[in-house]
Full PDB file with SEQRES, HELIX, SHEET, SSBOND, CRYST1, ORIGX, SCALE, CONECT and MASTER records, all heavy atoms in Angstrom:
SEQRES   1 A   42  CYS ARG LEU ASP GLN LEU PRO TYR ALA GLU LEU ASP GLY          
SEQRES   2 A   42  VAL SER ASP LEU ARG LEU GLU VAL VAL CYS LEU LEU ARG          
SEQRES   3 A   42  ASN GLY ALA ALA PRO PHE LEU GLU GLN ALA GLN GLY LEU          
SEQRES   4 A   42  PHE GLY SER                                                  
HELIX    1 AA1 TYR A    8  LEU A   11  1                                   4    
HELIX    2 AA2 ASP A   16  LEU A   24  1                                   9    
HELIX    3 AA3 LEU A   25  ALA A   29  3                                   5    
HELIX    4 AA4 ALA A   30  ALA A   36  1                                   7    
CRYST1    1.000    1.000    1.000  90.00  90.00  90.00 P 1           1          
ORIGX1      1.000000  0.000000  0.000000        0.00000                         
ORIGX2      0.000000  1.000000  0.000000        0.00000                         
ORIGX3      0.000000  0.000000  1.000000        0.00000                         
SCALE1      1.000000  0.000000  0.000000        0.00000                         
SCALE2      0.000000  1.000000  0.000000        0.00000                         
SCALE3      0.000000  0.000000  1.000000        0.00000                         
ATOM      1  N   CYS A   1      -4.776   7.030 -13.097  1.00  0.00           N  
ATOM      2  CA  CYS A   1      -5.260   7.696 -14.307  1.00  0.00           C  
ATOM      3  C   CYS A   1      -4.867   9.179 -14.308  1.00  0.00           C  
ATOM      4  O   CYS A   1      -4.434   9.721 -15.312  1.00  0.00           O  
ATOM      5  CB  CYS A   1      -6.767   7.537 -14.415  1.00  0.00           C  
ATOM      6  SG  CYS A   1      -7.424   8.179 -15.956  1.00  0.00           S  
ATOM      7  N   ARG A   2      -4.996   9.807 -13.147  1.00  0.00           N  
ATOM      8  CA  ARG A   2      -4.679  11.227 -13.018  1.00  0.00           C  
ATOM      9  C   ARG A   2      -3.177  11.484 -13.180  1.00  0.00           C  
ATOM     10  O   ARG A   2      -2.756  12.535 -13.645  1.00  0.00           O  
ATOM     11  CB  ARG A   2      -5.159  11.703 -11.641  1.00  0.00           C  
ATOM     12  CG  ARG A   2      -4.967  13.154 -11.350  1.00  0.00           C  
ATOM     13  CD  ARG A   2      -5.597  13.551 -10.036  1.00  0.00           C  
ATOM     14  NE  ARG A   2      -5.293  12.655  -8.922  1.00  0.00           N  
ATOM     15  CZ  ARG A   2      -4.152  12.704  -8.217  1.00  0.00           C  
ATOM     16  NH1 ARG A   2      -3.252  13.594  -8.506  1.00  0.00           N  
ATOM     17  NH2 ARG A   2      -3.952  11.878  -7.217  1.00  0.00           N  
ATOM     18  N   LEU A   3      -2.341  10.507 -12.831  1.00  0.00           N  
ATOM     19  CA  LEU A   3      -0.893  10.691 -12.868  1.00  0.00           C  
ATOM     20  C   LEU A   3      -0.251  10.214 -14.166  1.00  0.00           C  
ATOM     21  O   LEU A   3       0.954  10.314 -14.315  1.00  0.00           O  
ATOM     22  CB  LEU A   3      -0.247   9.965 -11.686  1.00  0.00           C  
ATOM     23  CG  LEU A   3      -0.539  10.574 -10.327  1.00  0.00           C  
ATOM     24  CD1 LEU A   3      -0.059   9.656  -9.224  1.00  0.00           C  
ATOM     25  CD2 LEU A   3       0.102  11.931 -10.209  1.00  0.00           C  
ATOM     26  N   ASP A   4      -1.039   9.705 -15.087  1.00  0.00           N  
ATOM     27  CA  ASP A   4      -0.447   9.222 -16.323  1.00  0.00           C  
ATOM     28  C   ASP A   4       0.043  10.377 -17.183  1.00  0.00           C  
ATOM     29  O   ASP A   4       1.205  10.466 -17.527  1.00  0.00           O  
ATOM     30  CB  ASP A   4      -1.448   8.360 -17.094  1.00  0.00           C  
ATOM     31  CG  ASP A   4      -0.804   7.719 -18.300  1.00  0.00           C  
ATOM     32  OD1 ASP A   4       0.345   7.263 -18.169  1.00  0.00           O  
ATOM     33  OD2 ASP A   4      -1.430   7.683 -19.363  1.00  0.00           O  
ATOM     34  N   GLN A   5      -0.845  11.287 -17.529  1.00  0.00           N  
ATOM     35  CA  GLN A   5      -0.472  12.458 -18.318  1.00  0.00           C  
ATOM     36  C   GLN A   5      -0.461  13.656 -17.385  1.00  0.00           C  
ATOM     37  O   GLN A   5      -1.449  13.951 -16.735  1.00  0.00           O  
ATOM     38  CB  GLN A   5      -1.471  12.666 -19.442  1.00  0.00           C  
ATOM     39  CG  GLN A   5      -1.077  13.790 -20.365  1.00  0.00           C  
ATOM     40  CD  GLN A   5      -1.984  13.857 -21.576  1.00  0.00           C  
ATOM     41  OE1 GLN A   5      -2.699  12.924 -21.885  1.00  0.00           O  
ATOM     42  NE2 GLN A   5      -1.940  14.972 -22.264  1.00  0.00           N  
ATOM     43  N   LEU A   6       0.678  14.353 -17.327  1.00  0.00           N  
ATOM     44  CA  LEU A   6       0.875  15.442 -16.367  1.00  0.00           C  
ATOM     45  C   LEU A   6       0.856  16.791 -17.081  1.00  0.00           C  
ATOM     46  O   LEU A   6       1.834  17.162 -17.742  1.00  0.00           O  
ATOM     47  CB  LEU A   6       2.216  15.250 -15.644  1.00  0.00           C  
ATOM     48  CG  LEU A   6       2.409  13.877 -14.983  1.00  0.00           C  
ATOM     49  CD1 LEU A   6       3.863  13.677 -14.611  1.00  0.00           C  
ATOM     50  CD2 LEU A   6       1.499  13.737 -13.800  1.00  0.00           C  
ATOM     51  N   PRO A   7      -0.238  17.544 -16.982  1.00  0.00           N  
ATOM     52  CA  PRO A   7      -0.325  18.849 -17.657  1.00  0.00           C  
ATOM     53  C   PRO A   7       0.691  19.841 -17.081  1.00  0.00           C  
ATOM     54  O   PRO A   7       0.831  19.951 -15.866  1.00  0.00           O  
ATOM     55  CB  PRO A   7      -1.752  19.312 -17.380  1.00  0.00           C  
ATOM     56  CG  PRO A   7      -2.495  18.107 -16.924  1.00  0.00           C  
ATOM     57  CD  PRO A   7      -1.492  17.198 -16.304  1.00  0.00           C  
ATOM     58  N   TYR A   8       1.379  20.544 -17.957  1.00  0.00           N  
ATOM     59  CA  TYR A   8       2.372  21.527 -17.508  1.00  0.00           C  
ATOM     60  C   TYR A   8       1.746  22.586 -16.608  1.00  0.00           C  
ATOM     61  O   TYR A   8       2.363  23.028 -15.648  1.00  0.00           O  
ATOM     62  CB  TYR A   8       3.038  22.208 -18.702  1.00  0.00           C  
ATOM     63  CG  TYR A   8       3.949  21.301 -19.486  1.00  0.00           C  
ATOM     64  CD1 TYR A   8       3.693  21.037 -20.829  1.00  0.00           C  
ATOM     65  CD2 TYR A   8       5.058  20.720 -18.907  1.00  0.00           C  
ATOM     66  CE1 TYR A   8       4.526  20.215 -21.561  1.00  0.00           C  
ATOM     67  CE2 TYR A   8       5.901  19.898 -19.636  1.00  0.00           C  
ATOM     68  CZ  TYR A   8       5.634  19.647 -20.953  1.00  0.00           C  
ATOM     69  OH  TYR A   8       6.460  18.829 -21.670  1.00  0.00           O  
ATOM     70  N   ALA A   9       0.528  23.005 -16.927  1.00  0.00           N  
ATOM     71  CA  ALA A   9      -0.130  24.045 -16.129  1.00  0.00           C  
ATOM     72  C   ALA A   9      -0.321  23.590 -14.681  1.00  0.00           C  
ATOM     73  O   ALA A   9      -0.241  24.397 -13.762  1.00  0.00           O  
ATOM     74  CB  ALA A   9      -1.476  24.409 -16.747  1.00  0.00           C  
ATOM     75  N   GLU A  10      -0.553  22.288 -14.473  1.00  0.00           N  
ATOM     76  CA  GLU A  10      -0.743  21.775 -13.124  1.00  0.00           C  
ATOM     77  C   GLU A  10       0.576  21.471 -12.419  1.00  0.00           C  
ATOM     78  O   GLU A  10       0.604  21.281 -11.206  1.00  0.00           O  
ATOM     79  CB  GLU A  10      -1.618  20.523 -13.152  1.00  0.00           C  
ATOM     80  CG  GLU A  10      -3.044  20.813 -13.568  1.00  0.00           C  
ATOM     81  CD  GLU A  10      -3.907  19.574 -13.552  1.00  0.00           C  
ATOM     82  OE1 GLU A  10      -3.682  18.698 -12.684  1.00  0.00           O  
ATOM     83  OE2 GLU A  10      -4.796  19.478 -14.403  1.00  0.00           O  
ATOM     84  N   LEU A  11       1.672  21.400 -13.168  1.00  0.00           N  
ATOM     85  CA  LEU A  11       2.993  21.173 -12.569  1.00  0.00           C  
ATOM     86  C   LEU A  11       3.693  22.481 -12.209  1.00  0.00           C  
ATOM     87  O   LEU A  11       4.685  22.481 -11.510  1.00  0.00           O  
ATOM     88  CB  LEU A  11       3.883  20.387 -13.534  1.00  0.00           C  
ATOM     89  CG  LEU A  11       3.498  18.950 -13.807  1.00  0.00           C  
ATOM     90  CD1 LEU A  11       4.357  18.386 -14.931  1.00  0.00           C  
ATOM     91  CD2 LEU A  11       3.607  18.102 -12.564  1.00  0.00           C  
ATOM     92  N   ASP A  12       3.178  23.579 -12.700  1.00  0.00           N  
ATOM     93  CA  ASP A  12       3.802  24.886 -12.519  1.00  0.00           C  
ATOM     94  C   ASP A  12       3.506  25.450 -11.126  1.00  0.00           C  
ATOM     95  O   ASP A  12       2.441  25.214 -10.565  1.00  0.00           O  
ATOM     96  CB  ASP A  12       3.286  25.848 -13.593  1.00  0.00           C  
ATOM     97  CG  ASP A  12       4.102  27.117 -13.662  1.00  0.00           C  
ATOM     98  OD1 ASP A  12       5.248  27.114 -13.188  1.00  0.00           O  
ATOM     99  OD2 ASP A  12       3.584  28.112 -14.192  1.00  0.00           O  
ATOM    100  N   GLY A  13       4.463  26.217 -10.597  1.00  0.00           N  
ATOM    101  CA  GLY A  13       4.265  26.886  -9.307  1.00  0.00           C  
ATOM    102  C   GLY A  13       4.229  25.907  -8.150  1.00  0.00           C  
ATOM    103  O   GLY A  13       4.834  24.850  -8.181  1.00  0.00           O  
ATOM    104  N   VAL A  14       3.521  26.280  -7.095  1.00  0.00           N  
ATOM    105  CA  VAL A  14       3.347  25.398  -5.943  1.00  0.00           C  
ATOM    106  C   VAL A  14       2.261  24.401  -6.327  1.00  0.00           C  
ATOM    107  O   VAL A  14       1.086  24.726  -6.371  1.00  0.00           O  
ATOM    108  CB  VAL A  14       2.944  26.198  -4.687  1.00  0.00           C  
ATOM    109  CG1 VAL A  14       2.733  25.267  -3.519  1.00  0.00           C  
ATOM    110  CG2 VAL A  14       3.987  27.254  -4.373  1.00  0.00           C  
ATOM    111  N   SER A  15       2.680  23.181  -6.617  1.00  0.00           N  
ATOM    112  CA  SER A  15       1.772  22.220  -7.225  1.00  0.00           C  
ATOM    113  C   SER A  15       1.680  20.940  -6.400  1.00  0.00           C  
ATOM    114  O   SER A  15       2.694  20.296  -6.121  1.00  0.00           O  
ATOM    115  CB  SER A  15       2.276  21.891  -8.629  1.00  0.00           C  
ATOM    116  OG  SER A  15       1.661  20.765  -9.139  1.00  0.00           O  
ATOM    117  N   ASP A  16       0.454  20.570  -6.041  1.00  0.00           N  
ATOM    118  CA  ASP A  16       0.241  19.297  -5.349  1.00  0.00           C  
ATOM    119  C   ASP A  16       0.558  18.122  -6.259  1.00  0.00           C  
ATOM    120  O   ASP A  16       1.069  17.102  -5.810  1.00  0.00           O  
ATOM    121  CB  ASP A  16      -1.209  19.193  -4.862  1.00  0.00           C  
ATOM    122  CG  ASP A  16      -1.510  20.156  -3.722  1.00  0.00           C  
ATOM    123  OD1 ASP A  16      -0.557  20.565  -3.029  1.00  0.00           O  
ATOM    124  OD2 ASP A  16      -2.695  20.505  -3.540  1.00  0.00           O  
ATOM    125  N   LEU A  17       0.264  18.276  -7.546  1.00  0.00           N  
ATOM    126  CA  LEU A  17       0.538  17.217  -8.511  1.00  0.00           C  
ATOM    127  C   LEU A  17       2.041  16.952  -8.599  1.00  0.00           C  
ATOM    128  O   LEU A  17       2.484  15.802  -8.579  1.00  0.00           O  
ATOM    129  CB  LEU A  17      -0.022  17.581  -9.883  1.00  0.00           C  
ATOM    130  CG  LEU A  17       0.200  16.557 -10.989  1.00  0.00           C  
ATOM    131  CD1 LEU A  17      -0.507  15.247 -10.666  1.00  0.00           C  
ATOM    132  CD2 LEU A  17      -0.279  17.109 -12.321  1.00  0.00           C  
ATOM    133  N   ARG A  18       2.839  18.015  -8.697  1.00  0.00           N  
ATOM    134  CA  ARG A  18       4.286  17.845  -8.780  1.00  0.00           C  
ATOM    135  C   ARG A  18       4.837  17.203  -7.505  1.00  0.00           C  
ATOM    136  O   ARG A  18       5.693  16.328  -7.552  1.00  0.00           O  
ATOM    137  CB  ARG A  18       4.987  19.180  -9.060  1.00  0.00           C  
ATOM    138  CG  ARG A  18       6.438  18.986  -9.458  1.00  0.00           C  
ATOM    139  CD  ARG A  18       7.158  20.257  -9.818  1.00  0.00           C  
ATOM    140  NE  ARG A  18       7.389  21.071  -8.647  1.00  0.00           N  
ATOM    141  CZ  ARG A  18       6.781  22.204  -8.368  1.00  0.00           C  
ATOM    142  NH1 ARG A  18       5.886  22.693  -9.197  1.00  0.00           N  
ATOM    143  NH2 ARG A  18       7.056  22.878  -7.280  1.00  0.00           N  
ATOM    144  N   LEU A  19       4.313  17.617  -6.344  1.00  0.00           N  
ATOM    145  CA  LEU A  19       4.758  17.015  -5.082  1.00  0.00           C  
ATOM    146  C   LEU A  19       4.426  15.528  -5.029  1.00  0.00           C  
ATOM    147  O   LEU A  19       5.229  14.724  -4.545  1.00  0.00           O  
ATOM    148  CB  LEU A  19       4.118  17.746  -3.903  1.00  0.00           C  
ATOM    149  CG  LEU A  19       4.588  19.187  -3.681  1.00  0.00           C  
ATOM    150  CD1 LEU A  19       3.799  19.829  -2.555  1.00  0.00           C  
ATOM    151  CD2 LEU A  19       6.074  19.227  -3.391  1.00  0.00           C  
ATOM    152  N   GLU A  20       3.260  15.161  -5.541  1.00  0.00           N  
ATOM    153  CA  GLU A  20       2.865  13.753  -5.562  1.00  0.00           C  
ATOM    154  C   GLU A  20       3.762  12.946  -6.504  1.00  0.00           C  
ATOM    155  O   GLU A  20       4.183  11.831  -6.175  1.00  0.00           O  
ATOM    156  CB  GLU A  20       1.404  13.647  -5.999  1.00  0.00           C  
ATOM    157  CG  GLU A  20       0.814  12.278  -5.830  1.00  0.00           C  
ATOM    158  CD  GLU A  20      -0.681  12.251  -6.093  1.00  0.00           C  
ATOM    159  OE1 GLU A  20      -1.290  13.312  -6.340  1.00  0.00           O  
ATOM    160  OE2 GLU A  20      -1.230  11.139  -6.060  1.00  0.00           O  
ATOM    161  N   VAL A  21       4.081  13.518  -7.649  1.00  0.00           N  
ATOM    162  CA  VAL A  21       4.959  12.849  -8.606  1.00  0.00           C  
ATOM    163  C   VAL A  21       6.360  12.682  -8.017  1.00  0.00           C  
ATOM    164  O   VAL A  21       6.964  11.607  -8.115  1.00  0.00           O  
ATOM    165  CB  VAL A  21       5.009  13.637  -9.941  1.00  0.00           C  
ATOM    166  CG1 VAL A  21       6.139  13.158 -10.824  1.00  0.00           C  
ATOM    167  CG2 VAL A  21       3.684  13.538 -10.653  1.00  0.00           C  
ATOM    168  N   VAL A  22       6.871  13.721  -7.386  1.00  0.00           N  
ATOM    169  CA  VAL A  22       8.200  13.661  -6.778  1.00  0.00           C  
ATOM    170  C   VAL A  22       8.228  12.621  -5.652  1.00  0.00           C  
ATOM    171  O   VAL A  22       9.194  11.867  -5.508  1.00  0.00           O  
ATOM    172  CB  VAL A  22       8.628  15.059  -6.279  1.00  0.00           C  
ATOM    173  CG1 VAL A  22       9.841  14.991  -5.381  1.00  0.00           C  
ATOM    174  CG2 VAL A  22       8.894  15.968  -7.467  1.00  0.00           C  
ATOM    175  N   CYS A  23       7.154  12.546  -4.889  1.00  0.00           N  
ATOM    176  CA  CYS A  23       7.048  11.546  -3.828  1.00  0.00           C  
ATOM    177  C   CYS A  23       7.075  10.127  -4.410  1.00  0.00           C  
ATOM    178  O   CYS A  23       7.752   9.241  -3.879  1.00  0.00           O  
ATOM    179  CB  CYS A  23       5.780  11.789  -3.014  1.00  0.00           C  
ATOM    180  SG  CYS A  23       5.588  10.678  -1.635  1.00  0.00           S  
ATOM    181  N   LEU A  24       6.366   9.908  -5.510  1.00  0.00           N  
ATOM    182  CA  LEU A  24       6.392   8.601  -6.165  1.00  0.00           C  
ATOM    183  C   LEU A  24       7.782   8.269  -6.703  1.00  0.00           C  
ATOM    184  O   LEU A  24       8.226   7.125  -6.632  1.00  0.00           O  
ATOM    185  CB  LEU A  24       5.376   8.543  -7.303  1.00  0.00           C  
ATOM    186  CG  LEU A  24       3.917   8.386  -6.907  1.00  0.00           C  
ATOM    187  CD1 LEU A  24       3.021   8.506  -8.124  1.00  0.00           C  
ATOM    188  CD2 LEU A  24       3.692   7.055  -6.215  1.00  0.00           C  
ATOM    189  N   LEU A  25       8.464   9.271  -7.238  1.00  0.00           N  
ATOM    190  CA  LEU A  25       9.834   9.041  -7.717  1.00  0.00           C  
ATOM    191  C   LEU A  25      10.767   8.687  -6.565  1.00  0.00           C  
ATOM    192  O   LEU A  25      11.549   7.746  -6.657  1.00  0.00           O  
ATOM    193  CB  LEU A  25      10.362  10.282  -8.430  1.00  0.00           C  
ATOM    194  CG  LEU A  25       9.930  10.471  -9.870  1.00  0.00           C  
ATOM    195  CD1 LEU A  25      10.326  11.855 -10.364  1.00  0.00           C  
ATOM    196  CD2 LEU A  25      10.544   9.406 -10.754  1.00  0.00           C  
ATOM    197  N   ARG A  26      10.672   9.451  -5.484  1.00  0.00           N  
ATOM    198  CA  ARG A  26      11.568   9.245  -4.338  1.00  0.00           C  
ATOM    199  C   ARG A  26      11.292   7.921  -3.618  1.00  0.00           C  
ATOM    200  O   ARG A  26      12.210   7.180  -3.300  1.00  0.00           O  
ATOM    201  CB  ARG A  26      11.448  10.405  -3.349  1.00  0.00           C  
ATOM    202  CG  ARG A  26      12.359  10.266  -2.138  1.00  0.00           C  
ATOM    203  CD  ARG A  26      12.289  11.456  -1.210  1.00  0.00           C  
ATOM    204  NE  ARG A  26      12.996  12.582  -1.822  1.00  0.00           N  
ATOM    205  CZ  ARG A  26      12.410  13.718  -2.208  1.00  0.00           C  
ATOM    206  NH1 ARG A  26      11.127  13.914  -2.021  1.00  0.00           N  
ATOM    207  NH2 ARG A  26      13.114  14.677  -2.756  1.00  0.00           N  
ATOM    208  N   ASN A  27      10.029   7.626  -3.373  1.00  0.00           N  
ATOM    209  CA  ASN A  27       9.686   6.472  -2.552  1.00  0.00           C  
ATOM    210  C   ASN A  27       9.331   5.220  -3.352  1.00  0.00           C  
ATOM    211  O   ASN A  27       9.236   4.141  -2.777  1.00  0.00           O  
ATOM    212  CB  ASN A  27       8.501   6.813  -1.638  1.00  0.00           C  
ATOM    213  CG  ASN A  27       8.832   7.952  -0.713  1.00  0.00           C  
ATOM    214  OD1 ASN A  27       9.973   8.134  -0.300  1.00  0.00           O  
ATOM    215  ND2 ASN A  27       7.836   8.749  -0.391  1.00  0.00           N  
ATOM    216  N   GLY A  28       9.121   5.371  -4.646  1.00  0.00           N  
ATOM    217  CA  GLY A  28       8.747   4.216  -5.467  1.00  0.00           C  
ATOM    218  C   GLY A  28       9.751   3.893  -6.552  1.00  0.00           C  
ATOM    219  O   GLY A  28      10.339   2.813  -6.575  1.00  0.00           O  
ATOM    220  N   ALA A  29       9.969   4.830  -7.462  1.00  0.00           N  
ATOM    221  CA  ALA A  29      10.832   4.562  -8.622  1.00  0.00           C  
ATOM    222  C   ALA A  29      12.299   4.411  -8.233  1.00  0.00           C  
ATOM    223  O   ALA A  29      12.964   3.492  -8.708  1.00  0.00           O  
ATOM    224  CB  ALA A  29      10.679   5.666  -9.658  1.00  0.00           C  
ATOM    225  N   ALA A  30      12.820   5.291  -7.383  1.00  0.00           N  
ATOM    226  CA  ALA A  30      14.243   5.222  -7.025  1.00  0.00           C  
ATOM    227  C   ALA A  30      14.598   3.898  -6.342  1.00  0.00           C  
ATOM    228  O   ALA A  30      15.563   3.235  -6.761  1.00  0.00           O  
ATOM    229  CB  ALA A  30      14.635   6.422  -6.160  1.00  0.00           C  
ATOM    230  N   PRO A  31      13.851   3.453  -5.313  1.00  0.00           N  
ATOM    231  CA  PRO A  31      14.183   2.142  -4.718  1.00  0.00           C  
ATOM    232  C   PRO A  31      13.999   0.986  -5.705  1.00  0.00           C  
ATOM    233  O   PRO A  31      14.782   0.040  -5.705  1.00  0.00           O  
ATOM    234  CB  PRO A  31      13.199   2.015  -3.552  1.00  0.00           C  
ATOM    235  CG  PRO A  31      12.747   3.381  -3.250  1.00  0.00           C  
ATOM    236  CD  PRO A  31      12.822   4.139  -4.533  1.00  0.00           C  
ATOM    237  N   PHE A  32      12.966   1.084  -6.552  1.00  0.00           N  
ATOM    238  CA  PHE A  32      12.753   0.036  -7.550  1.00  0.00           C  
ATOM    239  C   PHE A  32      13.937  -0.034  -8.510  1.00  0.00           C  
ATOM    240  O   PHE A  32      14.427  -1.125  -8.833  1.00  0.00           O  
ATOM    241  CB  PHE A  32      11.462   0.295  -8.319  1.00  0.00           C  
ATOM    242  CG  PHE A  32      11.299  -0.609  -9.500  1.00  0.00           C  
ATOM    243  CD1 PHE A  32      10.886  -1.917  -9.321  1.00  0.00           C  
ATOM    244  CD2 PHE A  32      11.577  -0.165 -10.777  1.00  0.00           C  
ATOM    245  CE1 PHE A  32      10.758  -2.769 -10.409  1.00  0.00           C  
ATOM    246  CE2 PHE A  32      11.447  -1.000 -11.867  1.00  0.00           C  
ATOM    247  CZ  PHE A  32      11.035  -2.306 -11.685  1.00  0.00           C  
ATOM    248  N   LEU A  33      14.414   1.110  -8.982  1.00  0.00           N  
ATOM    249  CA  LEU A  33      15.527   1.125  -9.928  1.00  0.00           C  
ATOM    250  C   LEU A  33      16.817   0.628  -9.280  1.00  0.00           C  
ATOM    251  O   LEU A  33      17.665   0.044  -9.960  1.00  0.00           O  
ATOM    252  CB  LEU A  33      15.705   2.526 -10.511  1.00  0.00           C  
ATOM    253  CG  LEU A  33      14.559   2.985 -11.417  1.00  0.00           C  
ATOM    254  CD1 LEU A  33      14.746   4.435 -11.829  1.00  0.00           C  
ATOM    255  CD2 LEU A  33      14.410   2.087 -12.624  1.00  0.00           C  
ATOM    256  N   GLU A  34      16.971   0.848  -7.974  1.00  0.00           N  
ATOM    257  CA  GLU A  34      18.129   0.299  -7.255  1.00  0.00           C  
ATOM    258  C   GLU A  34      18.123  -1.225  -7.347  1.00  0.00           C  
ATOM    259  O   GLU A  34      19.142  -1.840  -7.620  1.00  0.00           O  
ATOM    260  CB  GLU A  34      18.096   0.716  -5.780  1.00  0.00           C  
ATOM    261  CG  GLU A  34      18.439   2.154  -5.520  1.00  0.00           C  
ATOM    262  CD  GLU A  34      19.922   2.454  -5.667  1.00  0.00           C  
ATOM    263  OE1 GLU A  34      20.757   1.562  -5.423  1.00  0.00           O  
ATOM    264  OE2 GLU A  34      20.234   3.585  -6.056  1.00  0.00           O  
ATOM    265  N   GLN A  35      16.967  -1.841  -7.100  1.00  0.00           N  
ATOM    266  CA  GLN A  35      16.862  -3.294  -7.173  1.00  0.00           C  
ATOM    267  C   GLN A  35      16.930  -3.791  -8.617  1.00  0.00           C  
ATOM    268  O   GLN A  35      17.504  -4.846  -8.880  1.00  0.00           O  
ATOM    269  CB  GLN A  35      15.550  -3.768  -6.554  1.00  0.00           C  
ATOM    270  CG  GLN A  35      15.524  -3.682  -5.054  1.00  0.00           C  
ATOM    271  CD  GLN A  35      14.251  -4.297  -4.485  1.00  0.00           C  
ATOM    272  OE1 GLN A  35      13.232  -4.362  -5.167  1.00  0.00           O  
ATOM    273  NE2 GLN A  35      14.330  -4.737  -3.249  1.00  0.00           N  
ATOM    274  N   ALA A  36      16.358  -3.058  -9.549  1.00  0.00           N  
ATOM    275  CA  ALA A  36      16.314  -3.479 -10.951  1.00  0.00           C  
ATOM    276  C   ALA A  36      17.686  -3.448 -11.599  1.00  0.00           C  
ATOM    277  O   ALA A  36      17.882  -4.044 -12.659  1.00  0.00           O  
ATOM    278  CB  ALA A  36      15.344  -2.602 -11.734  1.00  0.00           C  
ATOM    279  N   GLN A  37      18.644  -2.779 -10.987  1.00  0.00           N  
ATOM    280  CA  GLN A  37      20.003  -2.680 -11.523  1.00  0.00           C  
ATOM    281  C   GLN A  37      20.728  -4.018 -11.433  1.00  0.00           C  
ATOM    282  O   GLN A  37      21.650  -4.271 -12.184  1.00  0.00           O  
ATOM    283  CB  GLN A  37      20.777  -1.619 -10.735  1.00  0.00           C  
ATOM    284  CG  GLN A  37      22.089  -1.226 -11.334  1.00  0.00           C  
ATOM    285  CD  GLN A  37      21.954  -0.106 -12.334  1.00  0.00           C  
ATOM    286  OE1 GLN A  37      21.089   0.723 -12.209  1.00  0.00           O  
ATOM    287  NE2 GLN A  37      22.807  -0.091 -13.314  1.00  0.00           N  
ATOM    288  N   GLY A  38      20.297  -4.891 -10.537  1.00  0.00           N  
ATOM    289  CA  GLY A  38      21.021  -6.128 -10.266  1.00  0.00           C  
ATOM    290  C   GLY A  38      20.728  -7.252 -11.241  1.00  0.00           C  
ATOM    291  O   GLY A  38      19.980  -7.123 -12.206  1.00  0.00           O  
ATOM    292  N   LEU A  39      21.312  -8.415 -10.940  1.00  0.00           N  
ATOM    293  CA  LEU A  39      21.220  -9.597 -11.785  1.00  0.00           C  
ATOM    294  C   LEU A  39      19.786 -10.045 -12.013  1.00  0.00           C  
ATOM    295  O   LEU A  39      19.402 -10.411 -13.119  1.00  0.00           O  
ATOM    296  CB  LEU A  39      22.022 -10.742 -11.145  1.00  0.00           C  
ATOM    297  CG  LEU A  39      21.966 -12.094 -11.845  1.00  0.00           C  
ATOM    298  CD1 LEU A  39      22.549 -11.995 -13.241  1.00  0.00           C  
ATOM    299  CD2 LEU A  39      22.705 -13.137 -11.034  1.00  0.00           C  
ATOM    300  N   PHE A  40      18.958  -9.998 -10.968  1.00  0.00           N  
ATOM    301  CA  PHE A  40      17.582 -10.473 -11.094  1.00  0.00           C  
ATOM    302  C   PHE A  40      16.597  -9.324 -11.291  1.00  0.00           C  
ATOM    303  O   PHE A  40      15.402  -9.482 -11.074  1.00  0.00           O  
ATOM    304  CB  PHE A  40      17.201 -11.303  -9.865  1.00  0.00           C  
ATOM    305  CG  PHE A  40      18.063 -12.526  -9.725  1.00  0.00           C  
ATOM    306  CD1 PHE A  40      19.017 -12.606  -8.730  1.00  0.00           C  
ATOM    307  CD2 PHE A  40      17.938 -13.564 -10.620  1.00  0.00           C  
ATOM    308  CE1 PHE A  40      19.823 -13.713  -8.618  1.00  0.00           C  
ATOM    309  CE2 PHE A  40      18.742 -14.683 -10.520  1.00  0.00           C  
ATOM    310  CZ  PHE A  40      19.696 -14.766  -9.513  1.00  0.00           C  
ATOM    311  N   GLY A  41      17.087  -8.197 -11.729  1.00  0.00           N  
ATOM    312  CA  GLY A  41      16.244  -7.033 -11.950  1.00  0.00           C  
ATOM    313  C   GLY A  41      15.151  -7.247 -12.987  1.00  0.00           C  
ATOM    314  O   GLY A  41      14.083  -6.659 -12.902  1.00  0.00           O  
ATOM    315  N   SER A  42      15.411  -8.113 -13.970  1.00  0.00           N  
ATOM    316  CA  SER A  42      14.405  -8.347 -15.007  1.00  0.00           C  
ATOM    317  C   SER A  42      13.198  -9.113 -14.473  1.00  0.00           C  
ATOM    318  O   SER A  42      12.169  -9.174 -15.131  1.00  0.00           O  
ATOM    319  CB  SER A  42      15.015  -9.101 -16.185  1.00  0.00           C  
ATOM    320  OG  SER A  42      15.465 -10.379 -15.760  1.00  0.00           O  
TER     321      SER A  42                                                      
MASTER        0    0    0    4    0    0    0    6  320    1    0    4          
END                                                                             
């Protein structure tokens, strides 16, 4: 719930929220998109 809408004020500067989002992108979305690119990605 907290990560759905990301307020700019909380993403600015040294931000724990931004680090958490980047971690999810690096460790979750990027590997998922690698697999989703293939034939059985759907």
